[in-house]
Amino acid sequence: VPPKYDRDEHRDAVSDLWQRIAAYCESMDINPSAITSKR
């Protein structure tokens, strides 16, 4: 099923979510890459 979302909006949303997860993990002294990935 081809995605309906706009690719640029998707990229920006992924980047925003990654930054929020990274900030949260770093506040706990956790490397976010040990939790998830942008993919």
PDB file of all heavy atoms in Angstrom:
ATOM      1  N   VAL A   1       0.855  -1.185   0.000  1.00  0.00           N
ATOM      2  CA  VAL A   1       0.000   0.000   0.000  1.00  0.00           C
ATOM      3  C   VAL A   1       0.892   1.237   0.000  1.00  0.00           C
ATOM      4  O   VAL A   1       1.668   1.444   0.942  1.00  0.00           O
ATOM      5  CB  VAL A   1      -0.920   0.011   1.232  1.00  0.00           C
ATOM      6  CG1 VAL A   1      -1.786   1.266   1.249  1.00  0.00           C
ATOM      7  CG2 VAL A   1      -1.772  -1.254   1.269  1.00  0.00           C
ATOM      8  N   PRO A   2       0.836   2.036  -1.048  1.00  0.00           N
ATOM      9  CA  PRO A   2       1.700   3.217  -1.086  1.00  0.00           C
ATOM     10  C   PRO A   2       1.316   4.201   0.003  1.00  0.00           C
ATOM     11  O   PRO A   2       0.126   4.371   0.319  1.00  0.00           O
ATOM     12  CB  PRO A   2       1.443   3.807  -2.480  1.00  0.00           C
ATOM     13  CG  PRO A   2       0.110   3.285  -2.873  1.00  0.00           C
ATOM     14  CD  PRO A   2      -0.018   1.941  -2.240  1.00  0.00           C
ATOM     15  N   PRO A   3       2.278   4.840   0.617  1.00  0.00           N
ATOM     16  CA  PRO A   3       1.955   5.797   1.683  1.00  0.00           C
ATOM     17  C   PRO A   3       1.199   7.003   1.129  1.00  0.00           C
ATOM     18  O   PRO A   3       1.422   7.443   0.003  1.00  0.00           O
ATOM     19  CB  PRO A   3       3.333   6.206   2.209  1.00  0.00           C
ATOM     20  CG  PRO A   3       4.287   5.925   1.088  1.00  0.00           C
ATOM     21  CD  PRO A   3       3.723   4.739   0.373  1.00  0.00           C
ATOM     22  N   LYS A   4       0.300   7.523   1.954  1.00  0.00           N
ATOM     23  CA  LYS A   4      -0.469   8.705   1.567  1.00  0.00           C
ATOM     24  C   LYS A   4       0.162   9.992   2.095  1.00  0.00           C
ATOM     25  O   LYS A   4      -0.198  11.083   1.664  1.00  0.00           O
ATOM     26  CB  LYS A   4      -1.905   8.577   2.098  1.00  0.00           C
ATOM     27  CG  LYS A   4      -2.661   7.374   1.558  1.00  0.00           C
ATOM     28  CD  LYS A   4      -4.031   7.256   2.216  1.00  0.00           C
ATOM     29  CE  LYS A   4      -4.756   6.006   1.731  1.00  0.00           C
ATOM     30  NZ  LYS A   4      -6.079   5.845   2.413  1.00  0.00           N
ATOM     31  N   TYR A   5       1.053   9.836   3.039  1.00  0.00           N
ATOM     32  CA  TYR A   5       1.639  11.022   3.651  1.00  0.00           C
ATOM     33  C   TYR A   5       2.636  11.712   2.719  1.00  0.00           C
ATOM     34  O   TYR A   5       3.174  11.104   1.789  1.00  0.00           O
ATOM     35  CB  TYR A   5       2.321  10.660   4.971  1.00  0.00           C
ATOM     36  CG  TYR A   5       3.358   9.555   4.880  1.00  0.00           C
ATOM     37  CD1 TYR A   5       4.614   9.776   4.310  1.00  0.00           C
ATOM     38  CD2 TYR A   5       3.090   8.281   5.391  1.00  0.00           C
ATOM     39  CE1 TYR A   5       5.558   8.771   4.247  1.00  0.00           C
ATOM     40  CE2 TYR A   5       4.030   7.278   5.315  1.00  0.00           C
ATOM     41  CZ  TYR A   5       5.261   7.529   4.747  1.00  0.00           C
ATOM     42  OH  TYR A   5       6.203   6.529   4.669  1.00  0.00           O
ATOM     43  N   ASP A   6       2.870  12.971   3.011  1.00  0.00           N
ATOM     44  CA  ASP A   6       3.881  13.744   2.289  1.00  0.00           C
ATOM     45  C   ASP A   6       5.269  13.356   2.804  1.00  0.00           C
ATOM     46  O   ASP A   6       5.499  13.321   4.021  1.00  0.00           O
ATOM     47  CB  ASP A   6       3.633  15.242   2.513  1.00  0.00           C
ATOM     48  CG  ASP A   6       4.649  16.111   1.795  1.00  0.00           C
ATOM     49  OD1 ASP A   6       4.475  16.374   0.599  1.00  0.00           O
ATOM     50  OD2 ASP A   6       5.633  16.517   2.463  1.00  0.00           O
ATOM     51  N   ARG A   7       6.172  13.068   1.879  1.00  0.00           N
ATOM     52  CA  ARG A   7       7.494  12.570   2.279  1.00  0.00           C
ATOM     53  C   ARG A   7       8.261  13.594   3.116  1.00  0.00           C
ATOM     54  O   ARG A   7       8.962  13.229   4.067  1.00  0.00           O
ATOM     55  CB  ARG A   7       8.299  12.170   1.042  1.00  0.00           C
ATOM     56  CG  ARG A   7       7.751  10.934   0.337  1.00  0.00           C
ATOM     57  CD  ARG A   7       8.654  10.512  -0.817  1.00  0.00           C
ATOM     58  NE  ARG A   7       8.125   9.331  -1.484  1.00  0.00           N
ATOM     59  CZ  ARG A   7       8.351   8.077  -1.096  1.00  0.00           C
ATOM     60  NH1 ARG A   7       9.095   7.856  -0.020  1.00  0.00           N
ATOM     61  NH2 ARG A   7       7.842   7.059  -1.765  1.00  0.00           N
ATOM     62  N   ASP A   8       8.155  14.849   2.761  1.00  0.00           N
ATOM     63  CA  ASP A   8       8.873  15.872   3.524  1.00  0.00           C
ATOM     64  C   ASP A   8       8.297  15.990   4.940  1.00  0.00           C
ATOM     65  O   ASP A   8       9.053  16.114   5.918  1.00  0.00           O
ATOM     66  CB  ASP A   8       8.784  17.220   2.810  1.00  0.00           C
ATOM     67  CG  ASP A   8       9.600  17.247   1.525  1.00  0.00           C
ATOM     68  OD1 ASP A   8      10.541  16.428   1.408  1.00  0.00           O
ATOM     69  OD2 ASP A   8       9.310  18.082   0.644  1.00  0.00           O
ATOM     70  N   GLU A   9       6.970  15.941   5.044  1.00  0.00           N
ATOM     71  CA  GLU A   9       6.349  15.991   6.368  1.00  0.00           C
ATOM     72  C   GLU A   9       6.736  14.767   7.193  1.00  0.00           C
ATOM     73  O   GLU A   9       6.971  14.865   8.407  1.00  0.00           O
ATOM     74  CB  GLU A   9       4.828  16.079   6.228  1.00  0.00           C
ATOM     75  CG  GLU A   9       4.327  17.394   5.658  1.00  0.00           C
ATOM     76  CD  GLU A   9       2.815  17.424   5.560  1.00  0.00           C
ATOM     77  OE1 GLU A   9       2.169  16.453   6.030  1.00  0.00           O
ATOM     78  OE2 GLU A   9       2.277  18.404   5.018  1.00  0.00           O
ATOM     79  N   HIS A  10       6.796  13.612   6.518  1.00  0.00           N
ATOM     80  CA  HIS A  10       7.187  12.383   7.216  1.00  0.00           C
ATOM     81  C   HIS A  10       8.607  12.496   7.731  1.00  0.00           C
ATOM     82  O   HIS A  10       8.893  12.168   8.893  1.00  0.00           O
ATOM     83  CB  HIS A  10       7.052  11.191   6.263  1.00  0.00           C
ATOM     84  CG  HIS A  10       7.485   9.883   6.848  1.00  0.00           C
ATOM     85  ND1 HIS A  10       8.743   9.347   6.637  1.00  0.00           N
ATOM     86  CD2 HIS A  10       6.833   8.996   7.665  1.00  0.00           C
ATOM     87  CE1 HIS A  10       8.837   8.197   7.263  1.00  0.00           C
ATOM     88  NE2 HIS A  10       7.707   7.961   7.901  1.00  0.00           N
ATOM     89  N   ARG A  11       9.522  12.961   6.891  1.00  0.00           N
ATOM     90  CA  ARG A  11      10.913  13.102   7.310  1.00  0.00           C
ATOM     91  C   ARG A  11      11.033  14.050   8.502  1.00  0.00           C
ATOM     92  O   ARG A  11      11.750  13.770   9.477  1.00  0.00           O
ATOM     93  CB  ARG A  11      11.746  13.634   6.141  1.00  0.00           C
ATOM     94  CG  ARG A  11      13.244  13.769   6.463  1.00  0.00           C
ATOM     95  CD  ARG A  11      13.961  14.578   5.407  1.00  0.00           C
ATOM     96  NE  ARG A  11      13.447  15.942   5.366  1.00  0.00           N
ATOM     97  CZ  ARG A  11      13.020  16.547   4.272  1.00  0.00           C
ATOM     98  NH1 ARG A  11      13.018  15.915   3.106  1.00  0.00           N
ATOM     99  NH2 ARG A  11      12.566  17.790   4.325  1.00  0.00           N
ATOM    100  N   ASP A  12      10.319  15.163   8.448  1.00  0.00           N
ATOM    101  CA  ASP A  12      10.392  16.126   9.549  1.00  0.00           C
ATOM    102  C   ASP A  12       9.792  15.543  10.829  1.00  0.00           C
ATOM    103  O   ASP A  12      10.311  15.788  11.927  1.00  0.00           O
ATOM    104  CB  ASP A  12       9.650  17.408   9.163  1.00  0.00           C
ATOM    105  CG  ASP A  12      10.347  18.165   8.043  1.00  0.00           C
ATOM    106  OD1 ASP A  12      11.533  17.873   7.781  1.00  0.00           O
ATOM    107  OD2 ASP A  12       9.699  19.033   7.415  1.00  0.00           O
ATOM    108  N   ALA A  13       8.708  14.760  10.684  1.00  0.00           N
ATOM    109  CA  ALA A  13       8.072  14.171  11.871  1.00  0.00           C
ATOM    110  C   ALA A  13       8.981  13.123  12.513  1.00  0.00           C
ATOM    111  O   ALA A  13       9.071  13.038  13.746  1.00  0.00           O
ATOM    112  CB  ALA A  13       6.727  13.555  11.491  1.00  0.00           C
ATOM    113  N   VAL A  14       9.651  12.332  11.685  1.00  0.00           N
ATOM    114  CA  VAL A  14      10.589  11.342  12.213  1.00  0.00           C
ATOM    115  C   VAL A  14      11.734  12.040  12.932  1.00  0.00           C
ATOM    116  O   VAL A  14      12.142  11.636  14.033  1.00  0.00           O
ATOM    117  CB  VAL A  14      11.123  10.443  11.080  1.00  0.00           C
ATOM    118  CG1 VAL A  14      12.280   9.572  11.580  1.00  0.00           C
ATOM    119  CG2 VAL A  14      10.015   9.566  10.517  1.00  0.00           C
ATOM    120  N   SER A  15      12.264  13.092  12.321  1.00  0.00           N
ATOM    121  CA  SER A  15      13.366  13.829  12.942  1.00  0.00           C
ATOM    122  C   SER A  15      12.932  14.430  14.276  1.00  0.00           C
ATOM    123  O   SER A  15      13.679  14.387  15.264  1.00  0.00           O
ATOM    124  CB  SER A  15      13.845  14.932  11.990  1.00  0.00           C
ATOM    125  OG  SER A  15      14.882  15.689  12.581  1.00  0.00           O
ATOM    126  N   ASP A  16      11.712  14.967  14.317  1.00  0.00           N
ATOM    127  CA  ASP A  16      11.212  15.568  15.556  1.00  0.00           C
ATOM    128  C   ASP A  16      11.042  14.514  16.642  1.00  0.00           C
ATOM    129  O   ASP A  16      11.430  14.724  17.799  1.00  0.00           O
ATOM    130  CB  ASP A  16       9.874  16.260  15.288  1.00  0.00           C
ATOM    131  CG  ASP A  16       9.263  16.826  16.562  1.00  0.00           C
ATOM    132  OD1 ASP A  16       9.826  17.785  17.114  1.00  0.00           O
ATOM    133  OD2 ASP A  16       8.221  16.287  17.006  1.00  0.00           O
ATOM    134  N   LEU A  17      10.470  13.345  16.269  1.00  0.00           N
ATOM    135  CA  LEU A  17      10.279  12.284  17.259  1.00  0.00           C
ATOM    136  C   LEU A  17      11.619  11.765  17.758  1.00  0.00           C
ATOM    137  O   LEU A  17      11.798  11.514  18.954  1.00  0.00           O
ATOM    138  CB  LEU A  17       9.453  11.140  16.658  1.00  0.00           C
ATOM    139  CG  LEU A  17       9.165   9.954  17.583  1.00  0.00           C
ATOM    140  CD1 LEU A  17       8.426  10.412  18.835  1.00  0.00           C
ATOM    141  CD2 LEU A  17       8.368   8.874  16.851  1.00  0.00           C
ATOM    142  N   TRP A  18      12.577  11.601  16.846  1.00  0.00           N
ATOM    143  CA  TRP A  18      13.906  11.141  17.245  1.00  0.00           C
ATOM    144  C   TRP A  18      14.532  12.113  18.245  1.00  0.00           C
ATOM    145  O   TRP A  18      15.110  11.690  19.246  1.00  0.00           O
ATOM    146  CB  TRP A  18      14.801  10.980  16.021  1.00  0.00           C
ATOM    147  CG  TRP A  18      16.224  10.689  16.380  1.00  0.00           C
ATOM    148  CD1 TRP A  18      17.272  11.573  16.404  1.00  0.00           C
ATOM    149  CD2 TRP A  18      16.772   9.439  16.819  1.00  0.00           C
ATOM    150  NE1 TRP A  18      18.419  10.955  16.813  1.00  0.00           N
ATOM    151  CE2 TRP A  18      18.136   9.639  17.075  1.00  0.00           C
ATOM    152  CE3 TRP A  18      16.214   8.167  17.011  1.00  0.00           C
ATOM    153  CZ2 TRP A  18      18.975   8.619  17.512  1.00  0.00           C
ATOM    154  CZ3 TRP A  18      17.059   7.144  17.459  1.00  0.00           C
ATOM    155  CH2 TRP A  18      18.409   7.371  17.699  1.00  0.00           C
ATOM    156  N   GLN A  19      14.406  13.409  17.975  1.00  0.00           N
ATOM    157  CA  GLN A  19      14.994  14.395  18.878  1.00  0.00           C
ATOM    158  C   GLN A  19      14.341  14.351  20.248  1.00  0.00           C
ATOM    159  O   GLN A  19      15.022  14.480  21.285  1.00  0.00           O
ATOM    160  CB  GLN A  19      14.869  15.789  18.261  1.00  0.00           C
ATOM    161  CG  GLN A  19      15.758  16.011  17.046  1.00  0.00           C
ATOM    162  CD  GLN A  19      15.518  17.343  16.364  1.00  0.00           C
ATOM    163  OE1 GLN A  19      14.895  18.235  16.942  1.00  0.00           O
ATOM    164  NE2 GLN A  19      15.997  17.488  15.141  1.00  0.00           N
ATOM    165  N   ARG A  20      13.014  14.147  20.285  1.00  0.00           N
ATOM    166  CA  ARG A  20      12.338  14.077  21.582  1.00  0.00           C
ATOM    167  C   ARG A  20      12.743  12.818  22.350  1.00  0.00           C
ATOM    168  O   ARG A  20      12.952  12.855  23.572  1.00  0.00           O
ATOM    169  CB  ARG A  20      10.818  14.121  21.377  1.00  0.00           C
ATOM    170  CG  ARG A  20      10.309  15.513  21.003  1.00  0.00           C
ATOM    171  CD  ARG A  20       8.791  15.584  21.001  1.00  0.00           C
ATOM    172  NE  ARG A  20       8.212  14.945  19.829  1.00  0.00           N
ATOM    173  CZ  ARG A  20       7.207  14.082  19.868  1.00  0.00           C
ATOM    174  NH1 ARG A  20       6.695  13.702  21.023  1.00  0.00           N
ATOM    175  NH2 ARG A  20       6.722  13.573  18.759  1.00  0.00           N
ATOM    176  N   ILE A  21      12.837  11.691  21.627  1.00  0.00           N
ATOM    177  CA  ILE A  21      13.275  10.452  22.284  1.00  0.00           C
ATOM    178  C   ILE A  21      14.716  10.575  22.743  1.00  0.00           C
ATOM    179  O   ILE A  21      15.079  10.153  23.855  1.00  0.00           O
ATOM    180  CB  ILE A  21      13.091   9.260  21.322  1.00  0.00           C
ATOM    181  CG1 ILE A  21      11.608   8.929  21.166  1.00  0.00           C
ATOM    182  CG2 ILE A  21      13.854   8.035  21.825  1.00  0.00           C
ATOM    183  CD1 ILE A  21      11.311   7.828  20.159  1.00  0.00           C
ATOM    184  N   ALA A  22      15.571  11.181  21.898  1.00  0.00           N
ATOM    185  CA  ALA A  22      16.978  11.341  22.266  1.00  0.00           C
ATOM    186  C   ALA A  22      17.126  12.215  23.510  1.00  0.00           C
ATOM    187  O   ALA A  22      17.903  11.892  24.427  1.00  0.00           O
ATOM    188  CB  ALA A  22      17.753  11.941  21.101  1.00  0.00           C
ATOM    189  N   ALA A  23      16.361  13.300  23.571  1.00  0.00           N
ATOM    190  CA  ALA A  23      16.439  14.183  24.735  1.00  0.00           C
ATOM    191  C   ALA A  23      15.981  13.454  25.999  1.00  0.00           C
ATOM    192  O   ALA A  23      16.593  13.581  27.068  1.00  0.00           O
ATOM    193  CB  ALA A  23      15.596  15.432  24.498  1.00  0.00           C
ATOM    194  N   TYR A  24      14.905  12.680  25.869  1.00  0.00           N
ATOM    195  CA  TYR A  24      14.394  11.930  27.018  1.00  0.00           C
ATOM    196  C   TYR A  24      15.404  10.883  27.479  1.00  0.00           C
ATOM    197  O   TYR A  24      15.682  10.748  28.676  1.00  0.00           O
ATOM    198  CB  TYR A  24      13.063  11.281  26.646  1.00  0.00           C
ATOM    199  CG  TYR A  24      12.471  10.416  27.732  1.00  0.00           C
ATOM    200  CD1 TYR A  24      11.908  10.987  28.868  1.00  0.00           C
ATOM    201  CD2 TYR A  24      12.485   9.029  27.624  1.00  0.00           C
ATOM    202  CE1 TYR A  24      11.361  10.197  29.874  1.00  0.00           C
ATOM    203  CE2 TYR A  24      11.941   8.229  28.622  1.00  0.00           C
ATOM    204  CZ  TYR A  24      11.388   8.820  29.734  1.00  0.00           C
ATOM    205  OH  TYR A  24      10.855   8.028  30.737  1.00  0.00           O
ATOM    206  N   CYS A  25      15.960  10.129  26.513  1.00  0.00           N
ATOM    207  CA  CYS A  25      16.934   9.094  26.866  1.00  0.00           C
ATOM    208  C   CYS A  25      18.191   9.701  27.485  1.00  0.00           C
ATOM    209  O   CYS A  25      18.718   9.187  28.484  1.00  0.00           O
ATOM    210  CB  CYS A  25      17.311   8.285  25.623  1.00  0.00           C
ATOM    211  SG  CYS A  25      16.017   7.163  25.050  1.00  0.00           S
ATOM    212  N   GLU A  26      18.657  10.798  26.904  1.00  0.00           N
ATOM    213  CA  GLU A  26      19.883  11.408  27.431  1.00  0.00           C
ATOM    214  C   GLU A  26      19.662  11.967  28.836  1.00  0.00           C
ATOM    215  O   GLU A  26      20.591  11.999  29.651  1.00  0.00           O
ATOM    216  CB  GLU A  26      20.360  12.486  26.476  1.00  0.00           C
ATOM    217  CG  GLU A  26      20.964  11.885  25.201  1.00  0.00           C
ATOM    218  CD  GLU A  26      21.126  12.887  24.075  1.00  0.00           C
ATOM    219  OE1 GLU A  26      20.933  14.098  24.332  1.00  0.00           O
ATOM    220  OE2 GLU A  26      21.452  12.458  22.948  1.00  0.00           O
ATOM    221  N   SER A  27      18.426  12.361  29.136  1.00  0.00           N
ATOM    222  CA  SER A  27      18.136  12.816  30.501  1.00  0.00           C
ATOM    223  C   SER A  27      18.236  11.665  31.494  1.00  0.00           C
ATOM    224  O   SER A  27      18.412  11.887  32.697  1.00  0.00           O
ATOM    225  CB  SER A  27      16.739  13.442  30.565  1.00  0.00           C
ATOM    226  OG  SER A  27      15.725  12.444  30.477  1.00  0.00           O
ATOM    227  N   MET A  28      18.102  10.434  30.973  1.00  0.00           N
ATOM    228  CA  MET A  28      18.212   9.241  31.815  1.00  0.00           C
ATOM    229  C   MET A  28      19.580   8.582  31.688  1.00  0.00           C
ATOM    230  O   MET A  28      19.784   7.472  32.187  1.00  0.00           O
ATOM    231  CB  MET A  28      17.120   8.243  31.437  1.00  0.00           C
ATOM    232  CG  MET A  28      15.711   8.742  31.648  1.00  0.00           C
ATOM    233  SD  MET A  28      14.478   7.475  31.227  1.00  0.00           S
ATOM    234  CE  MET A  28      14.830   6.213  32.452  1.00  0.00           C
ATOM    235  N   ASP A  29      20.506   9.235  30.991  1.00  0.00           N
ATOM    236  CA  ASP A  29      21.850   8.688  30.779  1.00  0.00           C
ATOM    237  C   ASP A  29      21.814   7.419  29.934  1.00  0.00           C
ATOM    238  O   ASP A  29      22.555   6.465  30.173  1.00  0.00           O
ATOM    239  CB  ASP A  29      22.534   8.411  32.121  1.00  0.00           C
ATOM    240  CG  ASP A  29      24.059   8.390  32.011  1.00  0.00           C
ATOM    241  OD1 ASP A  29      24.588   8.961  31.038  1.00  0.00           O
ATOM    242  OD2 ASP A  29      24.714   7.788  32.885  1.00  0.00           O
ATOM    243  N   ILE A  30      20.933   7.397  28.925  1.00  0.00           N
ATOM    244  CA  ILE A  30      20.796   6.263  28.015  1.00  0.00           C
ATOM    245  C   ILE A  30      21.102   6.740  26.599  1.00  0.00           C
ATOM    246  O   ILE A  30      20.640   7.812  26.187  1.00  0.00           O
ATOM    247  CB  ILE A  30      19.375   5.668  28.067  1.00  0.00           C
ATOM    248  CG1 ILE A  30      19.080   5.099  29.457  1.00  0.00           C
ATOM    249  CG2 ILE A  30      19.182   4.586  27.011  1.00  0.00           C
ATOM    250  CD1 ILE A  30      17.640   4.625  29.630  1.00  0.00           C
ATOM    251  N   ASN A  31      21.855   5.964  25.863  1.00  0.00           N
ATOM    252  CA  ASN A  31      22.079   6.287  24.465  1.00  0.00           C
ATOM    253  C   ASN A  31      20.827   5.906  23.670  1.00  0.00           C
ATOM    254  O   ASN A  31      20.415   4.741  23.701  1.00  0.00           O
ATOM    255  CB  ASN A  31      23.297   5.524  23.934  1.00  0.00           C
ATOM    256  CG  ASN A  31      23.714   5.986  22.553  1.00  0.00           C
ATOM    257  OD1 ASN A  31      22.925   5.986  21.618  1.00  0.00           O
ATOM    258  ND2 ASN A  31      24.972   6.375  22.416  1.00  0.00           N
ATOM    259  N   PRO A  32      20.197   6.841  22.949  1.00  0.00           N
ATOM    260  CA  PRO A  32      18.946   6.512  22.256  1.00  0.00           C
ATOM    261  C   PRO A  32      19.101   5.409  21.213  1.00  0.00           C
ATOM    262  O   PRO A  32      18.131   4.704  20.912  1.00  0.00           O
ATOM    263  CB  PRO A  32      18.538   7.843  21.613  1.00  0.00           C
ATOM    264  CG  PRO A  32      19.785   8.661  21.567  1.00  0.00           C
ATOM    265  CD  PRO A  32      20.582   8.246  22.757  1.00  0.00           C
ATOM    266  N   SER A  33      20.294   5.235  20.672  1.00  0.00           N
ATOM    267  CA  SER A  33      20.501   4.169  19.680  1.00  0.00           C
ATOM    268  C   SER A  33      20.381   2.787  20.300  1.00  0.00           C
ATOM    269  O   SER A  33      20.226   1.803  19.580  1.00  0.00           O
ATOM    270  CB  SER A  33      21.868   4.337  19.011  1.00  0.00           C
ATOM    271  OG  SER A  33      21.912   5.523  18.242  1.00  0.00           O
ATOM    272  N   ALA A  34      20.492   2.692  21.627  1.00  0.00           N
ATOM    273  CA  ALA A  34      20.279   1.410  22.306  1.00  0.00           C
ATOM    274  C   ALA A  34      18.798   1.083  22.430  1.00  0.00           C
ATOM    275  O   ALA A  34      18.442  -0.039  22.791  1.00  0.00           O
ATOM    276  CB  ALA A  34      20.924   1.440  23.693  1.00  0.00           C
ATOM    277  N   ILE A  35      17.939   2.061  22.104  1.00  0.00           N
ATOM    278  CA  ILE A  35      16.501   1.888  22.253  1.00  0.00           C
ATOM    279  C   ILE A  35      15.816   1.705  20.902  1.00  0.00           C
ATOM    280  O   ILE A  35      14.966   0.839  20.727  1.00  0.00           O
ATOM    281  CB  ILE A  35      15.880   3.101  22.980  1.00  0.00           C
ATOM    282  CG1 ILE A  35      16.615   3.364  24.302  1.00  0.00           C
ATOM    283  CG2 ILE A  35      14.397   2.882  23.223  1.00  0.00           C
ATOM    284  CD1 ILE A  35      16.578   2.216  25.274  1.00  0.00           C
ATOM    285  N   THR A  36      16.177   2.536  19.928  1.00  0.00           N
ATOM    286  CA  THR A  36      15.493   2.501  18.639  1.00  0.00           C
ATOM    287  C   THR A  36      16.393   3.114  17.567  1.00  0.00           C
ATOM    288  O   THR A  36      17.564   3.417  17.819  1.00  0.00           O
ATOM    289  CB  THR A  36      14.148   3.264  18.720  1.00  0.00           C
ATOM    290  OG1 THR A  36      13.427   3.084  17.500  1.00  0.00           O
ATOM    291  CG2 THR A  36      14.351   4.743  18.982  1.00  0.00           C
ATOM    292  N   SER A  37      15.830   3.269  16.378  1.00  0.00           N
ATOM    293  CA  SER A  37      16.562   3.858  15.248  1.00  0.00           C
ATOM    294  C   SER A  37      15.610   4.725  14.446  1.00  0.00           C
ATOM    295  O   SER A  37      14.379   4.585  14.537  1.00  0.00           O
ATOM    296  CB  SER A  37      17.129   2.757  14.346  1.00  0.00           C
ATOM    297  OG  SER A  37      16.071   2.034  13.732  1.00  0.00           O
ATOM    298  N   LYS A  38      16.145   5.622  13.639  1.00  0.00           N
ATOM    299  CA  LYS A  38      15.292   6.460  12.800  1.00  0.00           C
ATOM    300  C   LYS A  38      14.520   5.611  11.797  1.00  0.00           C
ATOM    301  O   LYS A  38      13.383   5.957  11.433  1.00  0.00           O
ATOM    302  CB  LYS A  38      16.133   7.506  12.076  1.00  0.00           C
ATOM    303  CG  LYS A  38      16.593   8.655  12.964  1.00  0.00           C
ATOM    304  CD  LYS A  38      17.242   9.754  12.154  1.00  0.00           C
ATOM    305  CE  LYS A  38      17.609  10.941  13.048  1.00  0.00           C
ATOM    306  NZ  LYS A  38      18.228  12.039  12.276  1.00  0.00           N
ATOM    307  N   ARG A  39      15.111   4.520  11.341  1.00  0.00           N
ATOM    308  CA  ARG A  39      14.403   3.651  10.401  1.00  0.00           C
ATOM    309  C   ARG A  39      13.158   3.051  11.056  1.00  0.00           C
ATOM    310  O   ARG A  39      12.081   3.011  10.441  1.00  0.00           O
ATOM    311  CB  ARG A  39      15.334   2.544   9.918  1.00  0.00           C
ATOM    312  CG  ARG A  39      14.686   1.612   8.904  1.00  0.00           C
ATOM    313  CD  ARG A  39      15.700   0.660   8.339  1.00  0.00           C
ATOM    314  NE  ARG A  39      15.103  -0.206   7.311  1.00  0.00           N
ATOM    315  CZ  ARG A  39      15.792  -1.078   6.589  1.00  0.00           C
ATOM    316  NH1 ARG A  39      17.086  -1.198   6.767  1.00  0.00           N
ATOM    317  NH2 ARG A  39      15.168  -1.829   5.694  1.00  0.00           N
TER     318      ARG A  39
END
